[in-house]
Full PDB file with SEQRES, HELIX, SHEET, SSBOND, CRYST1, ORIGX, SCALE, CONECT and MASTER records, all heavy atoms in Angstrom:
SEQRES   1 A   31  GLY CYS VAL ASP PRO LYS GLU CYS TYR LYS TYR CYS GLN          
SEQRES   2 A   31  ASN GLU VAL SER CYS SER ASN THR ALA TYR PRO ARG LEU          
SEQRES   3 A   31  VAL LEU GLU ILE MET                                          
HELIX    1 AA1 PRO A    5  CYS A   12  1                                   8    
HELIX    2 AA2 SER A   19  THR A   21  5                                   3    
HELIX    3 AA3 ALA A   22  ILE A   30  1                                   9    
SSBOND   1 CYS A    2    CYS A    8                          1555   1555  2.25  
SSBOND   2 CYS A   12    CYS A   18                          1555   1555  2.05  
CRYST1    1.000    1.000    1.000  90.00  90.00  90.00 P 1           1          
ORIGX1      1.000000  0.000000  0.000000        0.00000                         
ORIGX2      0.000000  1.000000  0.000000        0.00000                         
ORIGX3      0.000000  0.000000  1.000000        0.00000                         
SCALE1      1.000000  0.000000  0.000000        0.00000                         
SCALE2      0.000000  1.000000  0.000000        0.00000                         
SCALE3      0.000000  0.000000  1.000000        0.00000                         
ATOM      1  N   GLY A   1       0.791  -1.232   0.000  1.00  0.00           N  
ATOM      2  CA  GLY A   1       0.000   0.000   0.000  1.00  0.00           C  
ATOM      3  C   GLY A   1       0.813   1.267   0.000  1.00  0.00           C  
ATOM      4  O   GLY A   1       0.285   2.346   0.312  1.00  0.00           O  
ATOM      5  N   CYS A   2       2.081   1.204  -0.344  1.00  0.00           N  
ATOM      6  CA  CYS A   2       2.939   2.387  -0.319  1.00  0.00           C  
ATOM      7  C   CYS A   2       2.435   3.461  -1.272  1.00  0.00           C  
ATOM      8  O   CYS A   2       1.859   3.163  -2.330  1.00  0.00           O  
ATOM      9  CB  CYS A   2       4.372   2.008  -0.676  1.00  0.00           C  
ATOM     10  SG  CYS A   2       4.565   1.425  -2.369  1.00  0.00           S  
ATOM     11  N   VAL A   3       2.646   4.724  -0.914  1.00  0.00           N  
ATOM     12  CA  VAL A   3       2.287   5.855  -1.775  1.00  0.00           C  
ATOM     13  C   VAL A   3       3.462   6.803  -1.983  1.00  0.00           C  
ATOM     14  O   VAL A   3       3.488   7.542  -2.965  1.00  0.00           O  
ATOM     15  CB  VAL A   3       1.083   6.631  -1.198  1.00  0.00           C  
ATOM     16  CG1 VAL A   3      -0.179   5.809  -1.289  1.00  0.00           C  
ATOM     17  CG2 VAL A   3       1.345   7.043   0.243  1.00  0.00           C  
ATOM     18  N   ASP A   4       4.417   6.790  -1.079  1.00  0.00           N  
ATOM     19  CA  ASP A   4       5.604   7.626  -1.227  1.00  0.00           C  
ATOM     20  C   ASP A   4       6.479   7.059  -2.356  1.00  0.00           C  
ATOM     21  O   ASP A   4       6.815   5.868  -2.336  1.00  0.00           O  
ATOM     22  CB  ASP A   4       6.403   7.659   0.080  1.00  0.00           C  
ATOM     23  CG  ASP A   4       7.600   8.576  -0.004  1.00  0.00           C  
ATOM     24  OD1 ASP A   4       7.443   9.794   0.192  1.00  0.00           O  
ATOM     25  OD2 ASP A   4       8.714   8.072  -0.284  1.00  0.00           O  
ATOM     26  N   PRO A   5       6.839   7.860  -3.357  1.00  0.00           N  
ATOM     27  CA  PRO A   5       7.600   7.349  -4.509  1.00  0.00           C  
ATOM     28  C   PRO A   5       8.891   6.636  -4.120  1.00  0.00           C  
ATOM     29  O   PRO A   5       9.224   5.595  -4.694  1.00  0.00           O  
ATOM     30  CB  PRO A   5       7.880   8.602  -5.338  1.00  0.00           C  
ATOM     31  CG  PRO A   5       6.774   9.547  -4.968  1.00  0.00           C  
ATOM     32  CD  PRO A   5       6.481   9.278  -3.529  1.00  0.00           C  
ATOM     33  N   LYS A   6       9.613   7.162  -3.166  1.00  0.00           N  
ATOM     34  CA  LYS A   6      10.874   6.541  -2.756  1.00  0.00           C  
ATOM     35  C   LYS A   6      10.628   5.174  -2.131  1.00  0.00           C  
ATOM     36  O   LYS A   6      11.367   4.216  -2.383  1.00  0.00           O  
ATOM     37  CB  LYS A   6      11.613   7.452  -1.784  1.00  0.00           C  
ATOM     38  CG  LYS A   6      12.090   8.758  -2.407  1.00  0.00           C  
ATOM     39  CD  LYS A   6      12.858   9.595  -1.392  1.00  0.00           C  
ATOM     40  CE  LYS A   6      13.356  10.899  -2.019  1.00  0.00           C  
ATOM     41  NZ  LYS A   6      14.070  11.738  -1.044  1.00  0.00           N  
ATOM     42  N   GLU A   7       9.606   5.085  -1.286  1.00  0.00           N  
ATOM     43  CA  GLU A   7       9.294   3.814  -0.650  1.00  0.00           C  
ATOM     44  C   GLU A   7       8.843   2.776  -1.684  1.00  0.00           C  
ATOM     45  O   GLU A   7       9.265   1.620  -1.648  1.00  0.00           O  
ATOM     46  CB  GLU A   7       8.192   4.012   0.397  1.00  0.00           C  
ATOM     47  CG  GLU A   7       8.622   4.802   1.615  1.00  0.00           C  
ATOM     48  CD  GLU A   7       9.662   4.065   2.441  1.00  0.00           C  
ATOM     49  OE1 GLU A   7       9.413   2.903   2.791  1.00  0.00           O  
ATOM     50  OE2 GLU A   7      10.723   4.654   2.719  1.00  0.00           O  
ATOM     51  N   CYS A   8       7.999   3.194  -2.614  1.00  0.00           N  
ATOM     52  CA  CYS A   8       7.511   2.271  -3.637  1.00  0.00           C  
ATOM     53  C   CYS A   8       8.660   1.768  -4.508  1.00  0.00           C  
ATOM     54  O   CYS A   8       8.725   0.579  -4.842  1.00  0.00           O  
ATOM     55  CB  CYS A   8       6.449   2.955  -4.507  1.00  0.00           C  
ATOM     56  SG  CYS A   8       4.883   3.246  -3.648  1.00  0.00           S  
ATOM     57  N   TYR A   9       9.544   2.653  -4.880  1.00  0.00           N  
ATOM     58  CA  TYR A   9      10.668   2.235  -5.725  1.00  0.00           C  
ATOM     59  C   TYR A   9      11.572   1.259  -4.973  1.00  0.00           C  
ATOM     60  O   TYR A   9      12.137   0.336  -5.557  1.00  0.00           O  
ATOM     61  CB  TYR A   9      11.460   3.452  -6.183  1.00  0.00           C  
ATOM     62  CG  TYR A   9      12.495   3.121  -7.232  1.00  0.00           C  
ATOM     63  CD1 TYR A   9      12.136   3.023  -8.576  1.00  0.00           C  
ATOM     64  CD2 TYR A   9      13.824   2.876  -6.886  1.00  0.00           C  
ATOM     65  CE1 TYR A   9      13.068   2.688  -9.545  1.00  0.00           C  
ATOM     66  CE2 TYR A   9      14.764   2.537  -7.849  1.00  0.00           C  
ATOM     67  CZ  TYR A   9      14.382   2.452  -9.174  1.00  0.00           C  
ATOM     68  OH  TYR A   9      15.313   2.117 -10.127  1.00  0.00           O  
ATOM     69  N   LYS A  10      11.691   1.447  -3.671  1.00  0.00           N  
ATOM     70  CA  LYS A  10      12.520   0.549  -2.867  1.00  0.00           C  
ATOM     71  C   LYS A  10      11.932  -0.858  -2.838  1.00  0.00           C  
ATOM     72  O   LYS A  10      12.671  -1.852  -2.858  1.00  0.00           O  
ATOM     73  CB  LYS A  10      12.644   1.102  -1.442  1.00  0.00           C  
ATOM     74  CG  LYS A  10      13.498   0.227  -0.527  1.00  0.00           C  
ATOM     75  CD  LYS A  10      13.652   0.873   0.845  1.00  0.00           C  
ATOM     76  CE  LYS A  10      12.335   0.874   1.594  1.00  0.00           C  
ATOM     77  NZ  LYS A  10      12.488   1.366   2.991  1.00  0.00           N  
ATOM     78  N   TYR A  11      10.607  -0.960  -2.820  1.00  0.00           N  
ATOM     79  CA  TYR A  11       9.962  -2.267  -2.698  1.00  0.00           C  
ATOM     80  C   TYR A  11       9.730  -2.959  -4.041  1.00  0.00           C  
ATOM     81  O   TYR A  11       9.842  -4.182  -4.132  1.00  0.00           O  
ATOM     82  CB  TYR A  11       8.626  -2.132  -1.970  1.00  0.00           C  
ATOM     83  CG  TYR A  11       8.773  -1.760  -0.513  1.00  0.00           C  
ATOM     84  CD1 TYR A  11       8.165  -0.613  -0.003  1.00  0.00           C  
ATOM     85  CD2 TYR A  11       9.510  -2.554   0.360  1.00  0.00           C  
ATOM     86  CE1 TYR A  11       8.286  -0.264   1.331  1.00  0.00           C  
ATOM     87  CE2 TYR A  11       9.646  -2.214   1.701  1.00  0.00           C  
ATOM     88  CZ  TYR A  11       9.038  -1.068   2.182  1.00  0.00           C  
ATOM     89  OH  TYR A  11       9.171  -0.724   3.502  1.00  0.00           O  
ATOM     90  N   CYS A  12       9.393  -2.205  -5.094  1.00  0.00           N  
ATOM     91  CA  CYS A  12       9.016  -2.856  -6.360  1.00  0.00           C  
ATOM     92  C   CYS A  12       9.552  -2.155  -7.600  1.00  0.00           C  
ATOM     93  O   CYS A  12       9.112  -2.462  -8.723  1.00  0.00           O  
ATOM     94  CB  CYS A  12       7.498  -2.975  -6.459  1.00  0.00           C  
ATOM     95  SG  CYS A  12       6.641  -1.388  -6.555  1.00  0.00           S  
ATOM     96  N   GLN A  13      10.475  -1.218  -7.438  1.00  0.00           N  
ATOM     97  CA  GLN A  13      11.067  -0.487  -8.567  1.00  0.00           C  
ATOM     98  C   GLN A  13      10.012   0.219  -9.412  1.00  0.00           C  
ATOM     99  O   GLN A  13      10.151   0.359 -10.634  1.00  0.00           O  
ATOM    100  CB  GLN A  13      11.893  -1.429  -9.466  1.00  0.00           C  
ATOM    101  CG  GLN A  13      13.204  -1.879  -8.852  1.00  0.00           C  
ATOM    102  CD  GLN A  13      12.991  -2.875  -7.720  1.00  0.00           C  
ATOM    103  OE1 GLN A  13      12.326  -3.890  -7.911  1.00  0.00           O  
ATOM    104  NE2 GLN A  13      13.555  -2.596  -6.556  1.00  0.00           N  
ATOM    105  N   ASN A  14       8.939   0.667  -8.769  1.00  0.00           N  
ATOM    106  CA  ASN A  14       7.904   1.456  -9.434  1.00  0.00           C  
ATOM    107  C   ASN A  14       7.522   2.593  -8.511  1.00  0.00           C  
ATOM    108  O   ASN A  14       7.068   2.357  -7.391  1.00  0.00           O  
ATOM    109  CB  ASN A  14       6.680   0.585  -9.750  1.00  0.00           C  
ATOM    110  CG  ASN A  14       5.670   1.302 -10.624  1.00  0.00           C  
ATOM    111  OD1 ASN A  14       5.521   2.514 -10.574  1.00  0.00           O  
ATOM    112  ND2 ASN A  14       4.961   0.535 -11.439  1.00  0.00           N  
ATOM    113  N   GLU A  15       7.708   3.820  -8.956  1.00  0.00           N  
ATOM    114  CA  GLU A  15       7.480   4.973  -8.079  1.00  0.00           C  
ATOM    115  C   GLU A  15       6.001   5.278  -7.871  1.00  0.00           C  
ATOM    116  O   GLU A  15       5.658   6.046  -6.980  1.00  0.00           O  
ATOM    117  CB  GLU A  15       8.174   6.206  -8.669  1.00  0.00           C  
ATOM    118  CG  GLU A  15       9.698   6.102  -8.688  1.00  0.00           C  
ATOM    119  CD  GLU A  15      10.348   7.369  -9.198  1.00  0.00           C  
ATOM    120  OE1 GLU A  15       9.604   8.250  -9.693  1.00  0.00           O  
ATOM    121  OE2 GLU A  15      11.582   7.493  -9.103  1.00  0.00           O  
ATOM    122  N   VAL A  16       5.129   4.708  -8.672  1.00  0.00           N  
ATOM    123  CA  VAL A  16       3.707   5.045  -8.583  1.00  0.00           C  
ATOM    124  C   VAL A  16       2.991   4.199  -7.539  1.00  0.00           C  
ATOM    125  O   VAL A  16       2.303   4.705  -6.664  1.00  0.00           O  
ATOM    126  CB  VAL A  16       3.028   4.880  -9.950  1.00  0.00           C  
ATOM    127  CG1 VAL A  16       1.545   5.231  -9.851  1.00  0.00           C  
ATOM    128  CG2 VAL A  16       3.706   5.766 -10.983  1.00  0.00           C  
ATOM    129  N   SER A  17       3.153   2.874  -7.622  1.00  0.00           N  
ATOM    130  CA  SER A  17       2.433   1.975  -6.723  1.00  0.00           C  
ATOM    131  C   SER A  17       3.043   0.586  -6.790  1.00  0.00           C  
ATOM    132  O   SER A  17       3.700   0.235  -7.767  1.00  0.00           O  
ATOM    133  CB  SER A  17       0.949   1.928  -7.099  1.00  0.00           C  
ATOM    134  OG  SER A  17       0.273   0.928  -6.370  1.00  0.00           O  
ATOM    135  N   CYS A  18       2.794  -0.207  -5.740  1.00  0.00           N  
ATOM    136  CA  CYS A  18       3.242  -1.599  -5.707  1.00  0.00           C  
ATOM    137  C   CYS A  18       2.061  -2.557  -5.612  1.00  0.00           C  
ATOM    138  O   CYS A  18       2.218  -3.708  -5.188  1.00  0.00           O  
ATOM    139  CB  CYS A  18       4.183  -1.828  -4.519  1.00  0.00           C  
ATOM    140  SG  CYS A  18       5.810  -1.053  -4.706  1.00  0.00           S  
ATOM    141  N   SER A  19       0.881  -2.101  -5.992  1.00  0.00           N  
ATOM    142  CA  SER A  19      -0.303  -2.949  -5.871  1.00  0.00           C  
ATOM    143  C   SER A  19      -0.217  -4.184  -6.768  1.00  0.00           C  
ATOM    144  O   SER A  19      -0.852  -5.200  -6.482  1.00  0.00           O  
ATOM    145  CB  SER A  19      -1.561  -2.141  -6.210  1.00  0.00           C  
ATOM    146  OG  SER A  19      -1.490  -1.634  -7.534  1.00  0.00           O  
ATOM    147  N   ASN A  20       0.565  -4.111  -7.855  1.00  0.00           N  
ATOM    148  CA  ASN A  20       0.696  -5.276  -8.740  1.00  0.00           C  
ATOM    149  C   ASN A  20       1.418  -6.442  -8.059  1.00  0.00           C  
ATOM    150  O   ASN A  20       1.331  -7.583  -8.516  1.00  0.00           O  
ATOM    151  CB  ASN A  20       1.458  -4.900 -10.011  1.00  0.00           C  
ATOM    152  CG  ASN A  20       0.651  -3.985 -10.914  1.00  0.00           C  
ATOM    153  OD1 ASN A  20      -0.568  -3.974 -10.869  1.00  0.00           O  
ATOM    154  ND2 ASN A  20       1.344  -3.190 -11.715  1.00  0.00           N  
ATOM    155  N   THR A  21       2.118  -6.166  -6.991  1.00  0.00           N  
ATOM    156  CA  THR A  21       2.876  -7.215  -6.296  1.00  0.00           C  
ATOM    157  C   THR A  21       2.076  -7.847  -5.168  1.00  0.00           C  
ATOM    158  O   THR A  21       2.614  -8.669  -4.429  1.00  0.00           O  
ATOM    159  CB  THR A  21       4.186  -6.642  -5.727  1.00  0.00           C  
ATOM    160  OG1 THR A  21       3.875  -5.676  -4.690  1.00  0.00           O  
ATOM    161  CG2 THR A  21       5.003  -5.961  -6.815  1.00  0.00           C  
ATOM    162  N   ALA A  22       0.810  -7.467  -5.007  1.00  0.00           N  
ATOM    163  CA  ALA A  22       0.024  -7.914  -3.851  1.00  0.00           C  
ATOM    164  C   ALA A  22      -0.075  -9.429  -3.789  1.00  0.00           C  
ATOM    165  O   ALA A  22       0.267 -10.046  -2.768  1.00  0.00           O  
ATOM    166  CB  ALA A  22      -1.371  -7.284  -3.895  1.00  0.00           C  
ATOM    167  N   TYR A  23      -0.539 -10.064  -4.856  1.00  0.00           N  
ATOM    168  CA  TYR A  23      -0.723 -11.513  -4.802  1.00  0.00           C  
ATOM    169  C   TYR A  23       0.604 -12.270  -4.789  1.00  0.00           C  
ATOM    170  O   TYR A  23       0.753 -13.219  -4.004  1.00  0.00           O  
ATOM    171  CB  TYR A  23      -1.602 -11.992  -5.957  1.00  0.00           C  
ATOM    172  CG  TYR A  23      -2.154 -13.372  -5.704  1.00  0.00           C  
ATOM    173  CD1 TYR A  23      -3.305 -13.556  -4.946  1.00  0.00           C  
ATOM    174  CD2 TYR A  23      -1.504 -14.501  -6.182  1.00  0.00           C  
ATOM    175  CE1 TYR A  23      -3.797 -14.823  -4.693  1.00  0.00           C  
ATOM    176  CE2 TYR A  23      -1.995 -15.771  -5.929  1.00  0.00           C  
ATOM    177  CZ  TYR A  23      -3.135 -15.923  -5.184  1.00  0.00           C  
ATOM    178  OH  TYR A  23      -3.621 -17.178  -4.921  1.00  0.00           O  
ATOM    179  N   PRO A  24       1.576 -11.920  -5.637  1.00  0.00           N  
ATOM    180  CA  PRO A  24       2.876 -12.614  -5.535  1.00  0.00           C  
ATOM    181  C   PRO A  24       3.487 -12.513  -4.143  1.00  0.00           C  
ATOM    182  O   PRO A  24       4.073 -13.474  -3.640  1.00  0.00           O  
ATOM    183  CB  PRO A  24       3.742 -11.897  -6.575  1.00  0.00           C  
ATOM    184  CG  PRO A  24       2.773 -11.372  -7.565  1.00  0.00           C  
ATOM    185  CD  PRO A  24       1.562 -10.995  -6.778  1.00  0.00           C  
ATOM    186  N   ARG A  25       3.335 -11.349  -3.518  1.00  0.00           N  
ATOM    187  CA  ARG A  25       3.865 -11.172  -2.162  1.00  0.00           C  
ATOM    188  C   ARG A  25       3.174 -12.112  -1.185  1.00  0.00           C  
ATOM    189  O   ARG A  25       3.809 -12.741  -0.328  1.00  0.00           O  
ATOM    190  CB  ARG A  25       3.647  -9.716  -1.730  1.00  0.00           C  
ATOM    191  CG  ARG A  25       4.090  -9.380  -0.328  1.00  0.00           C  
ATOM    192  CD  ARG A  25       5.548  -9.111  -0.264  1.00  0.00           C  
ATOM    193  NE  ARG A  25       5.999  -8.809   1.091  1.00  0.00           N  
ATOM    194  CZ  ARG A  25       7.223  -8.436   1.404  1.00  0.00           C  
ATOM    195  NH1 ARG A  25       8.119  -8.302   0.448  1.00  0.00           N  
ATOM    196  NH2 ARG A  25       7.570  -8.197   2.632  1.00  0.00           N  
ATOM    197  N   LEU A  26       1.862 -12.246  -1.331  1.00  0.00           N  
ATOM    198  CA  LEU A  26       1.102 -13.123  -0.451  1.00  0.00           C  
ATOM    199  C   LEU A  26       1.544 -14.569  -0.621  1.00  0.00           C  
ATOM    200  O   LEU A  26       1.723 -15.304   0.363  1.00  0.00           O  
ATOM    201  CB  LEU A  26      -0.388 -12.982  -0.781  1.00  0.00           C  
ATOM    202  CG  LEU A  26      -1.394 -13.537   0.221  1.00  0.00           C  
ATOM    203  CD1 LEU A  26      -1.339 -12.761   1.520  1.00  0.00           C  
ATOM    204  CD2 LEU A  26      -2.798 -13.493  -0.371  1.00  0.00           C  
ATOM    205  N   VAL A  27       1.742 -14.994  -1.864  1.00  0.00           N  
ATOM    206  CA  VAL A  27       2.159 -16.371  -2.136  1.00  0.00           C  
ATOM    207  C   VAL A  27       3.536 -16.648  -1.557  1.00  0.00           C  
ATOM    208  O   VAL A  27       3.774 -17.677  -0.904  1.00  0.00           O  
ATOM    209  CB  VAL A  27       2.142 -16.641  -3.660  1.00  0.00           C  
ATOM    210  CG1 VAL A  27       2.796 -17.980  -3.976  1.00  0.00           C  
ATOM    211  CG2 VAL A  27       0.714 -16.611  -4.182  1.00  0.00           C  
ATOM    212  N   LEU A  28       4.465 -15.734  -1.774  1.00  0.00           N  
ATOM    213  CA  LEU A  28       5.836 -15.948  -1.328  1.00  0.00           C  
ATOM    214  C   LEU A  28       5.969 -15.952   0.193  1.00  0.00           C  
ATOM    215  O   LEU A  28       6.854 -16.603   0.747  1.00  0.00           O  
ATOM    216  CB  LEU A  28       6.755 -14.868  -1.916  1.00  0.00           C  
ATOM    217  CG  LEU A  28       6.948 -14.914  -3.437  1.00  0.00           C  
ATOM    218  CD1 LEU A  28       7.773 -13.725  -3.899  1.00  0.00           C  
ATOM    219  CD2 LEU A  28       7.623 -16.219  -3.848  1.00  0.00           C  
ATOM    220  N   GLU A  29       5.091 -15.253   0.866  1.00  0.00           N  
ATOM    221  CA  GLU A  29       5.219 -15.117   2.320  1.00  0.00           C  
ATOM    222  C   GLU A  29       4.505 -16.207   3.101  1.00  0.00           C  
ATOM    223  O   GLU A  29       4.984 -16.641   4.145  1.00  0.00           O  
ATOM    224  CB  GLU A  29       4.691 -13.744   2.755  1.00  0.00           C  
ATOM    225  CG  GLU A  29       5.527 -12.575   2.281  1.00  0.00           C  
ATOM    226  CD  GLU A  29       6.895 -12.531   2.932  1.00  0.00           C  
ATOM    227  OE1 GLU A  29       7.058 -13.128   4.019  1.00  0.00           O  
ATOM    228  OE2 GLU A  29       7.800 -11.902   2.362  1.00  0.00           O  
ATOM    229  N   ILE A  30       3.337 -16.665   2.632  1.00  0.00           N  
ATOM    230  CA  ILE A  30       2.538 -17.567   3.470  1.00  0.00           C  
ATOM    231  C   ILE A  30       2.508 -19.004   2.972  1.00  0.00           C  
ATOM    232  O   ILE A  30       2.059 -19.884   3.695  1.00  0.00           O  
ATOM    233  CB  ILE A  30       1.082 -17.049   3.605  1.00  0.00           C  
ATOM    234  CG1 ILE A  30       0.338 -17.175   2.276  1.00  0.00           C  
ATOM    235  CG2 ILE A  30       1.054 -15.624   4.110  1.00  0.00           C  
ATOM    236  CD1 ILE A  30      -1.131 -16.832   2.395  1.00  0.00           C  
ATOM    237  N   MET A  31       2.978 -19.264   1.749  1.00  0.00           N  
ATOM    238  CA  MET A  31       2.942 -20.631   1.237  1.00  0.00           C  
ATOM    239  C   MET A  31       4.278 -21.319   1.467  1.00  0.00           C  
ATOM    240  O   MET A  31       5.341 -20.685   1.362  1.00  0.00           O  
ATOM    241  CB  MET A  31       2.613 -20.646  -0.259  1.00  0.00           C  
ATOM    242  CG  MET A  31       1.215 -20.163  -0.589  1.00  0.00           C  
ATOM    243  SD  MET A  31       0.785 -20.400  -2.330  1.00  0.00           S  
ATOM    244  CE  MET A  31       0.584 -22.179  -2.379  1.00  0.00           C  
TER     245      MET A  31                                                      
CONECT   10   56                                                                
CONECT   56   10                                                                
CONECT   95  140                                                                
CONECT  140   95                                                                
MASTER        0    0    0    3    0    0    0    6  244    1    4    3          
END                                                                             
């Protein structure tokens, strides 16, 4: 849910949003 461009780029290399990584992140963390 990041909105700060620097934070988003740090997590997913996209300054706008990291919402596209929601499901992959869920799979990698809980499965």
